[in-house]
């Protein structure tokens, strides 16, 4: 082993011993945890998603509110994106479906699509940004607010929420 006087400082360039140690570490990881063969393709796909004209809304809050009829509950969920806030209230229907009422801020007319595992439902907002889906099957759903006329600030893009359980 070399003496402390012979030890290299962090400021010195890598030597053959350093490179040999790094090669050994790389080989160890290649054997123990190899890179997935499709990783470069997945990276290119993710980079391509950045160019899509869809804005993903973020979940900002979820509250349970006491229902009008005894033990029934309503859920209020708010999604926030750079250009749009979407608030929805989910209420149970007697037939096992749910009613989804919602509002857009700032208020505007937009076409909306609620994709569920069973079907895809479409509605339009009124001038105040209000919309409703009267009967929606329970399960996983995702709301898409279709693009409006593009504004100078990038507003008007389609906005999609994360999947939620109804």
Protein backbone atom coordinates (compact mmCIF):
# COMPACT_ATOMS: atom_id res chain seq x y z
CA UNK A 1 0.00 0.00 0.00
CA UNK A 2 1.23 3.49 -0.72
CA UNK A 3 2.17 5.93 1.98
CA UNK A 4 -0.03 8.98 2.74
CA UNK A 5 2.53 11.17 1.00
CA UNK A 6 1.99 9.15 -2.19
CA UNK A 7 -1.83 9.33 -2.04
CA UNK A 8 -3.44 11.28 -4.85
CA UNK A 9 -5.59 14.29 -4.11
CA UNK A 10 -9.04 14.76 -5.63
CA UNK A 11 -7.64 17.48 -7.89
CA UNK A 12 -5.32 15.14 -9.78
CA UNK A 13 -6.37 13.39 -13.01
CA UNK A 14 -7.45 9.75 -13.00
CA UNK A 15 -4.65 7.22 -13.49
CA UNK A 16 -4.68 3.63 -14.80
CA UNK A 17 -5.49 2.20 -11.35
CA UNK A 18 -8.50 4.54 -11.01
CA UNK A 19 -9.77 3.59 -14.46
CA UNK A 20 -9.33 -0.12 -13.68
CA UNK A 21 -11.37 0.25 -10.46
CA UNK A 22 -14.13 2.12 -12.34
CA UNK A 23 -14.18 -0.60 -15.04
CA UNK A 24 -14.60 -3.23 -12.31
CA UNK A 25 -17.52 -1.32 -10.75
CA UNK A 26 -19.20 -0.91 -14.16
CA UNK A 27 -18.83 -4.66 -14.86
CA UNK A 28 -20.22 -5.53 -11.43
CA UNK A 29 -23.36 -3.43 -12.08
CA UNK A 30 -23.68 -4.79 -15.64
CA UNK A 31 -23.85 -8.32 -14.24
CA UNK A 32 -25.84 -7.64 -11.04
CA UNK A 33 -28.31 -5.05 -12.39
CA UNK A 34 -28.12 -4.73 -16.18
CA UNK A 35 -29.71 -1.82 -17.99
CA UNK A 36 -33.10 -2.81 -19.48
CA UNK A 37 -32.76 -3.38 -23.22
CA UNK A 38 -35.64 -0.98 -23.95
CA UNK A 39 -34.35 1.87 -21.74
CA UNK A 40 -33.10 4.06 -24.64
CA UNK A 41 -36.49 3.68 -26.36
CA UNK A 42 -38.36 4.57 -23.14
CA UNK A 43 -36.18 7.65 -22.67
CA UNK A 44 -36.88 8.81 -26.24
CA UNK A 45 -40.62 8.26 -25.64
CA UNK A 46 -40.56 10.36 -22.44
CA UNK A 47 -38.69 13.13 -24.20
CA UNK A 48 -41.24 13.10 -27.02
CA UNK A 49 -44.05 13.50 -24.47
CA UNK A 50 -42.60 16.87 -23.50
CA UNK A 51 -43.56 18.16 -26.92
CA UNK A 52 -47.23 17.22 -26.66
CA UNK A 53 -49.72 20.04 -26.40
CA UNK A 54 -51.31 18.53 -23.30
CA UNK A 55 -50.94 19.95 -19.86
CA UNK A 56 -51.14 17.53 -16.96
CA UNK A 57 -53.13 18.77 -13.99
CA UNK A 58 -51.84 18.12 -10.48
CA UNK A 59 -54.04 16.94 -7.63
CA UNK A 60 -54.13 19.75 -5.09
CA UNK A 61 -56.64 18.63 -2.49
CA UNK A 62 -59.25 16.04 -1.69
CA UNK A 63 -61.93 16.53 0.91
CA UNK A 64 -64.82 14.45 2.11
CA UNK A 65 -67.93 16.46 2.78
CA UNK A 66 -70.97 15.30 4.69
CA UNK A 67 -73.74 14.33 2.29
CA UNK A 68 -77.25 15.67 2.35
CA UNK A 69 -78.72 12.24 3.11
CA UNK A 70 -77.32 10.83 6.33
CA UNK A 71 -74.21 8.67 5.97
CA UNK A 72 -73.66 9.30 2.25
CA UNK A 73 -70.46 11.15 1.44
CA UNK A 74 -69.38 13.48 -1.32
CA UNK A 75 -65.78 13.89 -2.38
CA UNK A 76 -64.46 17.17 -3.66
CA UNK A 77 -61.22 17.03 -5.64
CA UNK A 78 -59.29 19.93 -7.10
CA UNK A 79 -56.75 19.64 -9.91
CA UNK A 80 -54.46 22.51 -10.77
CA UNK A 81 -52.40 23.13 -13.90
CA UNK A 82 -50.56 26.19 -15.19
CA UNK A 83 -53.56 27.40 -17.20
CA UNK A 84 -56.62 25.83 -15.57
CA UNK A 85 -58.08 24.73 -12.25
CA UNK A 86 -60.60 21.90 -12.30
CA UNK A 87 -62.78 21.20 -9.27
CA UNK A 88 -65.07 18.18 -9.22
CA UNK A 89 -67.56 16.85 -6.71
CA UNK A 90 -68.42 13.15 -6.76
CA UNK A 91 -71.76 12.01 -5.31
CA UNK A 92 -73.20 8.49 -5.16
CA UNK A 93 -76.34 7.69 -7.16
CA UNK A 94 -78.86 5.13 -5.90
CA UNK A 95 -78.25 2.91 -8.94
CA UNK A 96 -74.57 2.34 -8.01
CA UNK A 97 -73.17 4.94 -10.41
CA UNK A 98 -71.83 8.34 -9.40
CA UNK A 99 -72.65 11.90 -10.42
CA UNK A 100 -69.68 14.13 -11.21
CA UNK A 101 -70.27 17.88 -11.07
CA UNK A 102 -67.43 20.20 -11.93
CA UNK A 103 -66.23 23.72 -12.52
CA UNK A 104 -63.36 25.22 -14.49
CA UNK A 105 -61.46 28.30 -13.41
CA UNK A 106 -61.11 30.63 -15.10
CA UNK A 107 -64.68 30.02 -16.34
CA UNK A 108 -64.84 29.12 -20.03
CA UNK A 109 -66.64 26.97 -22.55
CA UNK A 110 -64.76 23.73 -23.19
CA UNK A 111 -65.53 20.20 -24.30
CA UNK A 112 -64.80 17.54 -21.67
CA UNK A 113 -64.33 13.81 -21.90
CA UNK A 114 -64.46 11.46 -18.92
CA UNK A 115 -62.72 8.20 -19.81
CA UNK A 116 -63.71 5.23 -17.67
CA UNK A 117 -62.86 1.56 -17.95
CA UNK A 118 -66.43 0.93 -19.16
CA UNK A 119 -67.00 3.85 -21.54
CA UNK A 120 -66.07 7.37 -22.56
CA UNK A 121 -68.51 10.18 -21.73
CA UNK A 122 -68.55 13.69 -23.22
CA UNK A 123 -70.14 16.96 -22.07
CA UNK A 124 -69.72 20.70 -22.66
CA UNK A 125 -69.14 23.42 -20.09
CA UNK A 126 -71.43 26.42 -19.89
CA UNK A 127 -70.13 30.02 -19.90
CA UNK A 128 -69.47 29.80 -16.16
CA UNK A 129 -67.25 26.73 -16.64
CA UNK A 130 -69.82 24.38 -15.04
CA UNK A 131 -70.29 20.79 -16.25
CA UNK A 132 -71.94 17.57 -15.03
CA UNK A 133 -71.82 13.87 -15.79
CA UNK A 134 -75.10 12.50 -14.37
CA UNK A 135 -74.33 8.76 -14.37
CA UNK A 136 -70.77 7.52 -14.39
CA UNK A 137 -69.83 3.88 -13.72
CA UNK A 138 -67.68 3.35 -10.63
CA UNK A 139 -64.03 2.52 -11.12
CA UNK A 140 -60.98 4.23 -12.56
CA UNK A 141 -61.59 7.41 -14.55
CA UNK A 142 -59.62 10.23 -16.13
CA UNK A 143 -60.91 13.65 -17.13
CA UNK A 144 -59.70 15.46 -20.24
CA UNK A 145 -60.57 19.09 -20.90
CA UNK A 146 -60.24 19.55 -24.66
CA UNK A 147 -58.17 22.34 -26.16
CA UNK A 148 -59.75 25.72 -26.71
CA UNK A 149 -58.53 28.47 -29.00
CA UNK A 150 -54.88 28.97 -28.08
CA UNK A 151 -54.11 32.14 -26.16
CA UNK A 152 -50.87 34.15 -26.34
CA UNK A 153 -49.78 32.78 -22.94
CA UNK A 154 -50.16 29.14 -23.99
CA UNK A 155 -53.59 28.83 -22.43
CA UNK A 156 -56.17 26.88 -24.35
CA UNK A 157 -54.20 23.62 -24.40
CA UNK A 158 -55.86 20.34 -23.52
CA UNK A 159 -55.57 19.47 -19.85
CA UNK A 160 -55.70 15.91 -18.52
CA UNK A 161 -56.05 14.84 -14.88
CA UNK A 162 -54.32 11.91 -13.26
CA UNK A 163 -56.45 8.76 -12.99
CA UNK A 164 -58.85 8.72 -10.06
CA UNK A 165 -61.12 6.12 -8.49
CA UNK A 166 -64.84 6.89 -8.56
